[in-house]
Amino acid sequence: MLTAATAGTFGAYDAATTGAAATANAIVQYASGYPAVGSVITLEWPCNTGIVVNPGTGGAVSVAFA
């Protein structure tokens, strides 16, 4: 997490597009202001469709995939 969101929801989704990201295909969701700046979140899941990360309003993240 580079910058925490000021509103909205931080989330990682198994989806092909940002428009398709929804609670139904969420891998993880957090309320605005969390996770804190500097947090590292390690996720392991079978990615069937794609990876979409929504940092929330004003949020900024760095994503690595291996």
PDB file of N, CA and C in Angstrom:
ATOM      1  N   MET A   1       0.851  -1.159   0.000  1.00  0.00           N
ATOM      2  CA  MET A   1       0.000   0.000   0.000  1.00  0.00           C
ATOM      3  C   MET A   1       0.899   1.223   0.000  1.00  0.00           C
ATOM      4  N   LEU A   2       0.751   2.036  -1.046  1.00  0.00           N
ATOM      5  CA  LEU A   2       1.535   3.265  -1.152  1.00  0.00           C
ATOM      6  C   LEU A   2       0.806   4.456  -0.545  1.00  0.00           C
ATOM      7  N   THR A   3      -0.494   4.547  -0.812  1.00  0.00           N
ATOM      8  CA  THR A   3      -1.342   5.606  -0.270  1.00  0.00           C
ATOM      9  C   THR A   3      -2.670   4.993   0.125  1.00  0.00           C
ATOM     10  N   ALA A   4      -3.111   5.196   1.353  1.00  0.00           N
ATOM     11  CA  ALA A   4      -4.387   4.635   1.808  1.00  0.00           C
ATOM     12  C   ALA A   4      -5.551   5.378   1.156  1.00  0.00           C
ATOM     13  N   ALA A   5      -6.617   4.654   0.881  1.00  0.00           N
ATOM     14  CA  ALA A   5      -7.819   5.249   0.286  1.00  0.00           C
ATOM     15  C   ALA A   5      -8.499   6.184   1.281  1.00  0.00           C
ATOM     16  N   THR A   6      -9.115   7.221   0.757  1.00  0.00           N
ATOM     17  CA  THR A   6      -9.865   8.148   1.596  1.00  0.00           C
ATOM     18  C   THR A   6     -11.353   7.811   1.610  1.00  0.00           C
ATOM     19  N   ALA A   7     -11.780   6.983   0.668  1.00  0.00           N
ATOM     20  CA  ALA A   7     -13.178   6.551   0.586  1.00  0.00           C
ATOM     21  C   ALA A   7     -13.234   5.293  -0.270  1.00  0.00           C
ATOM     22  N   GLY A   8     -14.367   4.640  -0.244  1.00  0.00           N
ATOM     23  CA  GLY A   8     -14.534   3.444  -1.063  1.00  0.00           C
ATOM     24  C   GLY A   8     -13.944   2.215  -0.405  1.00  0.00           C
ATOM     25  N   THR A   9     -13.751   1.190  -1.194  1.00  0.00           N
ATOM     26  CA  THR A   9     -13.284  -0.100  -0.698  1.00  0.00           C
ATOM     27  C   THR A   9     -12.029  -0.532  -1.431  1.00  0.00           C
ATOM     28  N   PHE A  10     -11.008  -0.941  -0.681  1.00  0.00           N
ATOM     29  CA  PHE A  10      -9.835  -1.573  -1.267  1.00  0.00           C
ATOM     30  C   PHE A  10     -10.214  -3.019  -1.531  1.00  0.00           C
ATOM     31  N   GLY A  11      -9.885  -3.531  -2.699  1.00  0.00           N
ATOM     32  CA  GLY A  11     -10.214  -4.922  -2.969  1.00  0.00           C
ATOM     33  C   GLY A  11      -9.363  -5.531  -4.056  1.00  0.00           C
ATOM     34  N   ALA A  12      -9.234  -6.850  -3.999  1.00  0.00           N
ATOM     35  CA  ALA A  12      -8.604  -7.643  -5.055  1.00  0.00           C
ATOM     36  C   ALA A  12      -9.666  -8.618  -5.540  1.00  0.00           C
ATOM     37  N   TYR A  13      -9.784  -8.735  -6.856  1.00  0.00           N
ATOM     38  CA  TYR A  13     -10.880  -9.494  -7.447  1.00  0.00           C
ATOM     39  C   TYR A  13     -10.380 -10.450  -8.527  1.00  0.00           C
ATOM     40  N   ASP A  14     -11.070 -11.561  -8.691  1.00  0.00           N
ATOM     41  CA  ASP A  14     -10.835 -12.490  -9.791  1.00  0.00           C
ATOM     42  C   ASP A  14     -11.790 -12.067 -10.905  1.00  0.00           C
ATOM     43  N   ALA A  15     -11.360 -11.100 -11.711  1.00  0.00           N
ATOM     44  CA  ALA A  15     -12.217 -10.516 -12.745  1.00  0.00           C
ATOM     45  C   ALA A  15     -11.370 -10.102 -13.941  1.00  0.00           C
ATOM     46  N   ALA A  16     -12.010  -9.999 -15.100  1.00  0.00           N
ATOM     47  CA  ALA A  16     -11.303  -9.631 -16.329  1.00  0.00           C
ATOM     48  C   ALA A  16     -11.180  -8.122 -16.507  1.00  0.00           C
ATOM     49  N   THR A  17     -12.125  -7.354 -15.945  1.00  0.00           N
ATOM     50  CA  THR A  17     -12.113  -5.897 -16.108  1.00  0.00           C
ATOM     51  C   THR A  17     -12.470  -5.226 -14.787  1.00  0.00           C
ATOM     52  N   THR A  18     -12.142  -3.957 -14.662  1.00  0.00           N
ATOM     53  CA  THR A  18     -12.508  -3.234 -13.444  1.00  0.00           C
ATOM     54  C   THR A  18     -14.023  -3.152 -13.299  1.00  0.00           C
ATOM     55  N   GLY A  19     -14.728  -3.077 -14.406  1.00  0.00           N
ATOM     56  CA  GLY A  19     -16.189  -3.031 -14.364  1.00  0.00           C
ATOM     57  C   GLY A  19     -16.811  -4.316 -13.860  1.00  0.00           C
ATOM     58  N   ALA A  20     -16.091  -5.425 -13.992  1.00  0.00           N
ATOM     59  CA  ALA A  20     -16.609  -6.719 -13.548  1.00  0.00           C
ATOM     60  C   ALA A  20     -16.274  -7.019 -12.087  1.00  0.00           C
ATOM     61  N   ALA A  21     -15.426  -6.202 -11.472  1.00  0.00           N
ATOM     62  CA  ALA A  21     -15.050  -6.426 -10.073  1.00  0.00           C
ATOM     63  C   ALA A  21     -16.254  -6.174  -9.170  1.00  0.00           C
ATOM     64  N   ALA A  22     -16.612  -7.179  -8.376  1.00  0.00           N
ATOM     65  CA  ALA A  22     -17.790  -7.084  -7.510  1.00  0.00           C
ATOM     66  C   ALA A  22     -17.589  -7.957  -6.278  1.00  0.00           C
ATOM     67  N   THR A  23     -18.430  -7.776  -5.299  1.00  0.00           N
ATOM     68  CA  THR A  23     -18.347  -8.565  -4.069  1.00  0.00           C
ATOM     69  C   THR A  23     -18.384 -10.059  -4.368  1.00  0.00           C
ATOM     70  N   ALA A  24     -19.139 -10.462  -5.379  1.00  0.00           N
ATOM     71  CA  ALA A  24     -19.278 -11.885  -5.711  1.00  0.00           C
ATOM     72  C   ALA A  24     -17.959 -12.525  -6.137  1.00  0.00           C
ATOM     73  N   ASN A  25     -17.028 -11.756  -6.718  1.00  0.00           N
ATOM     74  CA  ASN A  25     -15.756 -12.340  -7.144  1.00  0.00           C
ATOM     75  C   ASN A  25     -14.563 -11.737  -6.385  1.00  0.00           C
ATOM     76  N   ALA A  26     -14.841 -11.177  -5.218  1.00  0.00           N
ATOM     77  CA  ALA A  26     -13.782 -10.583  -4.391  1.00  0.00           C
ATOM     78  C   ALA A  26     -12.934 -11.666  -3.736  1.00  0.00           C
ATOM     79  N   ILE A  27     -11.645 -11.457  -3.760  1.00  0.00           N
ATOM     80  CA  ILE A  27     -10.717 -12.314  -3.027  1.00  0.00           C
ATOM     81  C   ILE A  27     -10.522 -11.722  -1.635  1.00  0.00           C
ATOM     82  N   VAL A  28     -10.433 -10.389  -1.577  1.00  0.00           N
ATOM     83  CA  VAL A  28     -10.311  -9.675  -0.306  1.00  0.00           C
ATOM     84  C   VAL A  28     -10.884  -8.271  -0.491  1.00  0.00           C
ATOM     85  N   GLN A  29     -11.524  -7.747   0.550  1.00  0.00           N
ATOM     86  CA  GLN A  29     -12.028  -6.372   0.548  1.00  0.00           C
ATOM     87  C   GLN A  29     -11.792  -5.764   1.927  1.00  0.00           C
ATOM     88  N   TYR A  30     -11.377  -4.492   1.939  1.00  0.00           N
ATOM     89  CA  TYR A  30     -11.171  -3.764   3.185  1.00  0.00           C
ATOM     90  C   TYR A  30     -11.831  -2.394   3.070  1.00  0.00           C
ATOM     91  N   ALA A  31     -12.299  -1.860   4.192  1.00  0.00           N
ATOM     92  CA  ALA A  31     -12.889  -0.517   4.223  1.00  0.00           C
ATOM     93  C   ALA A  31     -11.811   0.530   3.977  1.00  0.00           C
ATOM     94  N   SER A  32     -12.218   1.737   3.596  1.00  0.00           N
ATOM     95  CA  SER A  32     -11.248   2.800   3.318  1.00  0.00           C
ATOM     96  C   SER A  32     -10.392   3.077   4.547  1.00  0.00           C
ATOM     97  N   GLY A  33      -9.160   3.477   4.300  1.00  0.00           N
ATOM     98  CA  GLY A  33      -8.223   3.748   5.378  1.00  0.00           C
ATOM     99  C   GLY A  33      -7.440   2.524   5.814  1.00  0.00           C
ATOM    100  N   TYR A  34      -7.830   1.348   5.366  1.00  0.00           N
ATOM    101  CA  TYR A  34      -7.094   0.125   5.654  1.00  0.00           C
ATOM    102  C   TYR A  34      -6.924  -0.611   4.352  1.00  0.00           C
ATOM    103  N   PRO A  35      -5.870  -1.235   4.071  1.00  0.00           N
ATOM    104  CA  PRO A  35      -4.690  -1.407   4.912  1.00  0.00           C
ATOM    105  C   PRO A  35      -3.867  -0.122   5.018  1.00  0.00           C
ATOM    106  N   ALA A  36      -3.028  -0.095   6.032  1.00  0.00           N
ATOM    107  CA  ALA A  36      -2.208   1.085   6.290  1.00  0.00           C
ATOM    108  C   ALA A  36      -1.075   1.186   5.267  1.00  0.00           C
ATOM    109  N   VAL A  37      -0.575   2.397   5.077  1.00  0.00           N
ATOM    110  CA  VAL A  37       0.563   2.618   4.185  1.00  0.00           C
ATOM    111  C   VAL A  37       1.718   1.735   4.639  1.00  0.00           C
ATOM    112  N   GLY A  38       2.360   1.075   3.700  1.00  0.00           N
ATOM    113  CA  GLY A  38       3.469   0.179   4.002  1.00  0.00           C
ATOM    114  C   GLY A  38       3.055  -1.263   4.194  1.00  0.00           C
ATOM    115  N   SER A  39       1.762  -1.528   4.245  1.00  0.00           N
ATOM    116  CA  SER A  39       1.282  -2.902   4.421  1.00  0.00           C
ATOM    117  C   SER A  39       1.592  -3.747   3.191  1.00  0.00           C
ATOM    118  N   VAL A  40       1.934  -4.992   3.441  1.00  0.00           N
ATOM    119  CA  VAL A  40       2.125  -5.977   2.378  1.00  0.00           C
ATOM    120  C   VAL A  40       1.073  -7.049   2.586  1.00  0.00           C
ATOM    121  N   ILE A  41       0.293  -7.308   1.568  1.00  0.00           N
ATOM    122  CA  ILE A  41      -0.763  -8.315   1.645  1.00  0.00           C
ATOM    123  C   ILE A  41      -0.409  -9.424   0.668  1.00  0.00           C
ATOM    124  N   THR A  42      -0.173 -10.610   1.173  1.00  0.00           N
ATOM    125  CA  THR A  42       0.143 -11.758   0.329  1.00  0.00           C
ATOM    126  C   THR A  42      -1.115 -12.585   0.156  1.00  0.00           C
ATOM    127  N   LEU A  43      -1.497 -12.805  -1.087  1.00  0.00           N
ATOM    128  CA  LEU A  43      -2.699 -13.576  -1.389  1.00  0.00           C
ATOM    129  C   LEU A  43      -2.335 -14.755  -2.282  1.00  0.00           C
ATOM    130  N   GLU A  44      -2.942 -15.893  -2.015  1.00  0.00           N
ATOM    131  CA  GLU A  44      -2.787 -17.067  -2.867  1.00  0.00           C
ATOM    132  C   GLU A  44      -4.174 -17.596  -3.162  1.00  0.00           C
ATOM    133  N   TRP A  45      -4.551 -17.607  -4.436  1.00  0.00           N
ATOM    134  CA  TRP A  45      -5.845 -18.140  -4.827  1.00  0.00           C
ATOM    135  C   TRP A  45      -5.779 -18.549  -6.289  1.00  0.00           C
ATOM    136  N   PRO A  46      -6.654 -19.453  -6.704  1.00  0.00           N
ATOM    137  CA  PRO A  46      -6.679 -19.819  -8.123  1.00  0.00           C
ATOM    138  C   PRO A  46      -7.322 -18.691  -8.930  1.00  0.00           C
ATOM    139  N   CYS A  47      -6.554 -18.089  -9.777  1.00  0.00           N
ATOM    140  CA  CYS A  47      -7.040 -16.977 -10.597  1.00  0.00           C
ATOM    141  C   CYS A  47      -7.625 -17.553 -11.880  1.00  0.00           C
ATOM    142  N   ASN A  48      -8.941 -17.590 -11.962  1.00  0.00           N
ATOM    143  CA  ASN A  48      -9.601 -18.189 -13.113  1.00  0.00           C
ATOM    144  C   ASN A  48      -9.862 -17.204 -14.239  1.00  0.00           C
ATOM    145  N   THR A  49     -10.023 -15.932 -13.924  1.00  0.00           N
ATOM    146  CA  THR A  49     -10.442 -14.959 -14.927  1.00  0.00           C
ATOM    147  C   THR A  49      -9.392 -13.882 -15.172  1.00  0.00           C
ATOM    148  N   GLY A  50      -8.894 -13.273 -14.133  1.00  0.00           N
ATOM    149  CA  GLY A  50      -7.923 -12.187 -14.232  1.00  0.00           C
ATOM    150  C   GLY A  50      -7.710 -11.591 -12.856  1.00  0.00           C
ATOM    151  N   ILE A  51      -6.849 -10.600 -12.762  1.00  0.00           N
ATOM    152  CA  ILE A  51      -6.585  -9.953 -11.480  1.00  0.00           C
ATOM    153  C   ILE A  51      -6.922  -8.472 -11.606  1.00  0.00           C
ATOM    154  N   VAL A  52      -7.827  -8.013 -10.767  1.00  0.00           N
ATOM    155  CA  VAL A  52      -8.179  -6.596 -10.695  1.00  0.00           C
ATOM    156  C   VAL A  52      -7.943  -6.144  -9.261  1.00  0.00           C
ATOM    157  N   VAL A  53      -7.202  -5.056  -9.089  1.00  0.00           N
ATOM    158  CA  VAL A  53      -6.992  -4.474  -7.768  1.00  0.00           C
ATOM    159  C   VAL A  53      -7.570  -3.065  -7.795  1.00  0.00           C
ATOM    160  N   ASN A  54      -8.482  -2.803  -6.883  1.00  0.00           N
ATOM    161  CA  ASN A  54      -9.099  -1.480  -6.753  1.00  0.00           C
ATOM    162  C   ASN A  54      -8.603  -0.884  -5.446  1.00  0.00           C
ATOM    163  N   PRO A  55      -7.756   0.146  -5.491  1.00  0.00           N
ATOM    164  CA  PRO A  55      -7.211   0.712  -4.259  1.00  0.00           C
ATOM    165  C   PRO A  55      -8.174   1.624  -3.511  1.00  0.00           C
ATOM    166  N   GLY A  56      -9.367   1.867  -4.049  1.00  0.00           N
ATOM    167  CA  GLY A  56     -10.301   2.795  -3.420  1.00  0.00           C
ATOM    168  C   GLY A  56      -9.990   4.223  -3.835  1.00  0.00           C
ATOM    169  N   THR A  57     -10.862   5.141  -3.494  1.00  0.00           N
ATOM    170  CA  THR A  57     -10.714   6.542  -3.883  1.00  0.00           C
ATOM    171  C   THR A  57      -9.454   7.147  -3.267  1.00  0.00           C
ATOM    172  N   GLY A  58      -8.582   7.653  -4.095  1.00  0.00           N
ATOM    173  CA  GLY A  58      -7.357   8.287  -3.623  1.00  0.00           C
ATOM    174  C   GLY A  58      -6.262   7.321  -3.231  1.00  0.00           C
ATOM    175  N   GLY A  59      -6.519   6.026  -3.296  1.00  0.00           N
ATOM    176  CA  GLY A  59      -5.532   5.023  -2.909  1.00  0.00           C
ATOM    177  C   GLY A  59      -4.561   4.710  -4.033  1.00  0.00           C
ATOM    178  N   ALA A  60      -3.373   4.250  -3.668  1.00  0.00           N
ATOM    179  CA  ALA A  60      -2.371   3.830  -4.645  1.00  0.00           C
ATOM    180  C   ALA A  60      -1.689   2.576  -4.123  1.00  0.00           C
ATOM    181  N   VAL A  61      -1.509   1.599  -5.007  1.00  0.00           N
ATOM    182  CA  VAL A  61      -0.885   0.340  -4.620  1.00  0.00           C
ATOM    183  C   VAL A  61       0.171  -0.051  -5.640  1.00  0.00           C
ATOM    184  N   SER A  62       1.024  -0.947  -5.232  1.00  0.00           N
ATOM    185  CA  SER A  62       1.982  -1.583  -6.121  1.00  0.00           C
ATOM    186  C   SER A  62       1.653  -3.066  -6.090  1.00  0.00           C
ATOM    187  N   VAL A  63       1.550  -3.686  -7.259  1.00  0.00           N
ATOM    188  CA  VAL A  63       1.152  -5.091  -7.340  1.00  0.00           C
ATOM    189  C   VAL A  63       2.249  -5.888  -8.024  1.00  0.00           C
ATOM    190  N   ALA A  64       2.566  -7.050  -7.458  1.00  0.00           N
ATOM    191  CA  ALA A  64       3.511  -7.983  -8.078  1.00  0.00           C
ATOM    192  C   ALA A  64       2.818  -9.325  -8.215  1.00  0.00           C
ATOM    193  N   PHE A  65       3.025  -9.971  -9.345  1.00  0.00           N
ATOM    194  CA  PHE A  65       2.426 -11.277  -9.614  1.00  0.00           C
ATOM    195  C   PHE A  65       3.548 -12.240  -9.974  1.00  0.00           C
ATOM    196  N   ALA A  66       3.546 -13.378  -9.318  1.00  0.00           N
ATOM    197  CA  ALA A  66       4.579 -14.379  -9.618  1.00  0.00           C
ATOM    198  C   ALA A  66       3.959 -15.750  -9.739  1.00  0.00           C
TER     199      ALA A  66
END
